[in-house]
N, C-alpha and C. Protein backbone atom coordinates (compact mmCIF):
# COMPACT_ATOMS: atom_id res chain seq x y z
N UNK A 1 44.65 143.31 132.02
CA UNK A 1 43.81 144.14 132.47
C UNK A 1 43.31 145.39 131.80
N UNK A 2 44.46 146.01 131.26
CA UNK A 2 44.22 147.25 130.33
C UNK A 2 43.48 146.87 129.09
N UNK A 3 43.68 145.69 128.53
CA UNK A 3 42.92 145.42 127.38
C UNK A 3 41.51 145.09 127.62
N UNK A 4 41.11 144.62 128.75
CA UNK A 4 39.71 144.37 129.06
C UNK A 4 38.99 145.68 129.53
N UNK A 5 39.80 146.68 130.03
CA UNK A 5 39.12 147.87 130.54
C UNK A 5 38.34 148.71 129.49
N UNK A 6 38.71 148.61 128.25
CA UNK A 6 38.01 149.30 127.09
C UNK A 6 36.65 148.69 126.90
N UNK A 7 36.40 147.42 127.19
CA UNK A 7 35.10 146.82 126.89
C UNK A 7 34.13 147.20 128.02
N UNK A 8 34.57 147.58 129.12
CA UNK A 8 33.69 148.12 130.22
C UNK A 8 33.38 149.47 130.27
N UNK A 9 34.14 150.27 129.56
CA UNK A 9 33.88 151.77 129.56
C UNK A 9 32.64 152.13 128.74
N UNK A 10 31.87 153.02 129.27
CA UNK A 10 30.57 153.54 128.61
C UNK A 10 31.09 154.34 127.35
N UNK A 11 30.36 154.05 126.24
CA UNK A 11 30.59 154.74 125.05
C UNK A 11 29.65 156.02 124.99
N UNK A 12 30.06 157.14 124.37
CA UNK A 12 29.30 158.27 124.29
C UNK A 12 27.98 158.12 123.75
N UNK A 13 26.94 158.62 124.40
CA UNK A 13 25.59 158.49 124.06
C UNK A 13 25.25 159.33 122.69
N UNK A 14 24.21 158.94 122.16
CA UNK A 14 23.63 159.63 120.88
C UNK A 14 23.23 161.17 121.45
N UNK A 15 23.10 162.09 120.50
CA UNK A 15 22.73 163.39 120.92
C UNK A 15 21.56 163.46 121.61
N UNK A 16 20.50 162.66 121.06
CA UNK A 16 19.12 162.71 121.75
C UNK A 16 18.99 162.16 123.04
N UNK A 17 19.89 161.23 123.45
CA UNK A 17 20.07 160.71 124.77
C UNK A 17 20.52 161.61 125.71
N UNK A 18 21.57 162.44 125.18
CA UNK A 18 22.28 163.42 126.00
C UNK A 18 21.31 164.54 126.38
N UNK A 19 20.43 164.99 125.45
CA UNK A 19 19.40 165.92 125.67
C UNK A 19 18.42 165.50 126.72
N UNK A 20 17.83 164.40 126.65
CA UNK A 20 16.87 163.87 127.65
C UNK A 20 17.65 163.63 128.89
N UNK A 21 18.77 163.18 129.03
CA UNK A 21 19.42 163.16 130.32
C UNK A 21 19.74 164.42 130.92
N UNK A 22 20.06 165.41 130.18
CA UNK A 22 20.26 166.80 130.76
C UNK A 22 19.04 167.30 131.38
N UNK A 23 17.75 167.16 130.55
CA UNK A 23 16.68 167.83 131.11
C UNK A 23 16.16 166.89 132.33
N UNK A 24 16.47 165.66 132.37
CA UNK A 24 15.84 164.89 133.36
C UNK A 24 16.65 164.87 134.67
N UNK A 25 17.93 165.27 134.68
CA UNK A 25 18.67 165.54 135.92
C UNK A 25 18.16 166.54 136.66
N UNK A 26 17.75 167.64 136.16
CA UNK A 26 17.03 168.74 136.87
C UNK A 26 15.88 168.23 137.55
N UNK A 27 15.08 167.46 136.86
CA UNK A 27 13.88 167.02 137.47
C UNK A 27 14.01 166.03 138.66
N UNK A 28 15.01 165.16 138.48
CA UNK A 28 15.39 164.29 139.62
C UNK A 28 15.86 165.04 140.76
N UNK A 29 16.54 166.15 140.69
CA UNK A 29 17.09 166.82 141.82
C UNK A 29 16.00 167.74 142.43
N UNK A 30 14.74 167.55 142.09
CA UNK A 30 13.59 168.39 142.67
C UNK A 30 13.97 169.93 142.52
N UNK A 31 14.54 170.15 141.57
CA UNK A 31 14.90 171.70 141.22
C UNK A 31 13.70 172.09 140.43
N UNK A 32 13.32 173.43 140.57
CA UNK A 32 12.13 173.97 139.70
C UNK A 32 12.76 174.35 138.46
N UNK A 33 12.76 173.44 137.48
CA UNK A 33 13.54 173.57 136.23
C UNK A 33 12.40 173.24 135.19
N UNK A 34 12.21 174.24 134.22
CA UNK A 34 11.27 174.06 133.18
C UNK A 34 11.93 173.43 131.90
N UNK A 35 13.07 172.81 132.06
CA UNK A 35 13.75 172.40 130.66
C UNK A 35 12.91 171.29 130.10
N UNK A 36 12.43 170.33 130.93
CA UNK A 36 11.76 169.19 130.35
C UNK A 36 10.42 169.59 129.81
N UNK A 37 9.79 170.56 130.44
CA UNK A 37 8.58 170.99 130.02
C UNK A 37 8.63 171.78 128.71
N UNK A 38 9.79 172.62 128.63
CA UNK A 38 10.07 173.33 127.39
C UNK A 38 10.46 172.33 126.34
N UNK A 39 11.23 171.39 126.54
CA UNK A 39 11.55 170.37 125.62
C UNK A 39 10.26 169.65 124.96
N UNK A 40 9.42 169.16 125.97
CA UNK A 40 8.17 168.47 125.65
C UNK A 40 7.14 169.26 124.77
N UNK A 41 7.14 170.62 125.15
CA UNK A 41 6.29 171.46 124.34
C UNK A 41 6.72 171.67 122.90
N UNK A 42 8.10 171.67 122.70
CA UNK A 42 8.73 171.58 121.36
C UNK A 42 8.31 170.38 120.67
N UNK A 43 8.50 169.20 121.29
CA UNK A 43 8.43 167.89 120.62
C UNK A 43 6.77 167.90 120.26
N UNK A 44 6.04 168.15 121.12
CA UNK A 44 4.67 168.01 120.86
C UNK A 44 4.04 168.96 119.76
N UNK A 45 4.65 170.05 119.69
CA UNK A 45 4.30 171.06 118.57
C UNK A 45 4.79 170.41 117.35
N UNK A 46 5.96 169.94 117.24
CA UNK A 46 6.47 169.36 116.05
C UNK A 46 5.67 168.17 115.63
N UNK A 47 5.31 167.29 116.60
CA UNK A 47 4.44 166.13 116.32
C UNK A 47 3.18 166.57 115.76
N UNK A 48 2.52 167.53 116.32
CA UNK A 48 1.30 168.09 115.87
C UNK A 48 1.32 168.53 114.49
N UNK A 49 2.39 169.27 114.09
CA UNK A 49 2.40 169.72 112.71
C UNK A 49 2.80 168.56 111.66
N UNK A 50 3.58 167.55 112.11
CA UNK A 50 3.85 166.43 111.39
C UNK A 50 2.69 165.64 111.10
N UNK A 51 1.89 165.40 112.08
CA UNK A 51 0.62 164.53 111.86
C UNK A 51 -0.72 165.41 111.47
N UNK A 52 -0.44 166.68 111.37
CA UNK A 52 -1.42 167.64 110.95
C UNK A 52 -2.60 167.62 111.92
N UNK A 53 -2.31 167.80 113.23
CA UNK A 53 -3.24 167.82 114.29
C UNK A 53 -4.01 169.10 114.27
N UNK A 54 -5.26 168.94 114.20
CA UNK A 54 -6.11 170.24 114.05
C UNK A 54 -6.91 170.62 115.35
N UNK A 55 -7.13 169.64 116.24
CA UNK A 55 -8.07 169.95 117.42
C UNK A 55 -7.34 169.53 118.70
N UNK A 56 -7.93 169.99 119.80
CA UNK A 56 -7.37 169.81 121.15
C UNK A 56 -7.56 168.40 121.56
N UNK A 57 -8.35 167.77 121.13
CA UNK A 57 -8.64 166.32 121.46
C UNK A 57 -7.48 165.47 120.95
N UNK A 58 -7.10 165.64 119.78
CA UNK A 58 -5.83 164.94 119.13
C UNK A 58 -4.64 165.25 119.84
N UNK A 59 -4.55 166.56 120.20
CA UNK A 59 -3.27 167.10 120.72
C UNK A 59 -3.19 166.51 122.09
N UNK A 60 -4.34 166.22 122.88
CA UNK A 60 -4.36 165.54 124.14
C UNK A 60 -3.96 164.21 123.96
N UNK A 61 -4.27 163.54 122.95
CA UNK A 61 -3.79 162.21 122.84
C UNK A 61 -2.41 162.08 122.83
N UNK A 62 -1.65 163.04 122.10
CA UNK A 62 -0.29 163.04 121.90
C UNK A 62 0.42 163.14 123.38
N UNK A 63 -0.28 164.31 124.17
CA UNK A 63 0.22 164.51 125.54
C UNK A 63 0.20 163.24 126.44
N UNK A 64 -0.93 162.57 126.10
CA UNK A 64 -1.18 161.29 127.00
C UNK A 64 -0.20 160.22 126.55
N UNK A 65 0.12 159.99 125.36
CA UNK A 65 1.03 158.91 124.81
C UNK A 65 2.41 159.22 125.14
N UNK A 66 2.75 160.46 125.12
CA UNK A 66 4.29 161.01 125.43
C UNK A 66 4.18 161.93 126.49
N UNK A 67 4.07 161.47 127.85
CA UNK A 67 3.84 162.41 128.84
C UNK A 67 5.08 163.09 129.34
N UNK A 68 6.31 162.35 129.01
CA UNK A 68 7.56 162.96 129.30
C UNK A 68 8.68 162.59 128.44
N UNK A 69 9.79 163.26 128.62
CA UNK A 69 10.93 163.02 127.82
C UNK A 69 11.44 161.70 127.58
N UNK A 70 11.32 160.82 128.67
CA UNK A 70 11.68 159.47 128.67
C UNK A 70 10.97 158.73 127.67
N UNK A 71 9.74 159.03 127.62
CA UNK A 71 8.74 158.20 126.73
C UNK A 71 9.18 158.59 125.30
N UNK A 72 9.50 159.90 124.97
CA UNK A 72 9.85 160.37 123.60
C UNK A 72 11.24 159.53 123.36
N UNK A 73 12.22 159.68 124.15
CA UNK A 73 13.34 158.82 124.12
C UNK A 73 13.22 157.41 123.77
N UNK A 74 12.34 156.79 124.47
CA UNK A 74 12.00 155.35 124.09
C UNK A 74 11.57 155.17 122.69
N UNK A 75 10.66 156.02 122.23
CA UNK A 75 10.18 155.96 120.77
C UNK A 75 11.27 156.33 119.83
N UNK A 76 12.02 157.17 120.10
CA UNK A 76 13.12 157.72 119.23
C UNK A 76 14.13 156.51 118.99
N UNK A 77 14.49 156.00 120.21
CA UNK A 77 15.51 154.83 120.14
C UNK A 77 15.00 153.69 119.46
N UNK A 78 13.70 153.35 119.58
CA UNK A 78 13.10 152.31 118.87
C UNK A 78 13.19 152.41 117.44
N UNK A 79 12.81 153.75 117.03
CA UNK A 79 12.78 153.91 115.54
C UNK A 79 14.28 153.98 114.90
N UNK A 80 15.19 154.39 115.65
CA UNK A 80 16.52 154.41 115.20
C UNK A 80 17.01 153.04 115.10
N UNK A 81 16.76 152.20 116.00
CA UNK A 81 17.16 150.69 115.98
C UNK A 81 16.44 150.14 114.94
N UNK A 82 15.31 150.36 114.70
CA UNK A 82 14.50 149.75 113.53
C UNK A 82 15.12 150.18 112.20
N UNK A 83 15.50 151.53 112.00
CA UNK A 83 16.08 151.73 110.91
C UNK A 83 17.55 151.16 110.51
N UNK A 84 18.08 151.02 111.68
CA UNK A 84 19.56 150.34 111.60
C UNK A 84 19.56 148.90 111.16
N UNK A 85 18.36 148.39 111.20
CA UNK A 85 18.23 146.78 110.82
C UNK A 85 18.44 146.61 109.43
């Protein structure tokens, strides 16, 4: 039984998963927490600089494609998995 227990325990998540989980918990609890909004603002600003976004229309496309932290997490996880292959 003890030998099998280790295979059922959750392994620690990656740092980016922990960040998204932390900001999402406050949102689910119906608390007025701006953590996810602040995180998404930083992420979108970084993406705009990386892709050299110059106008509001292009920035709006980023906001539409990545409306919340879970969508960003999905994309990050997808790319990390792709790089690990």
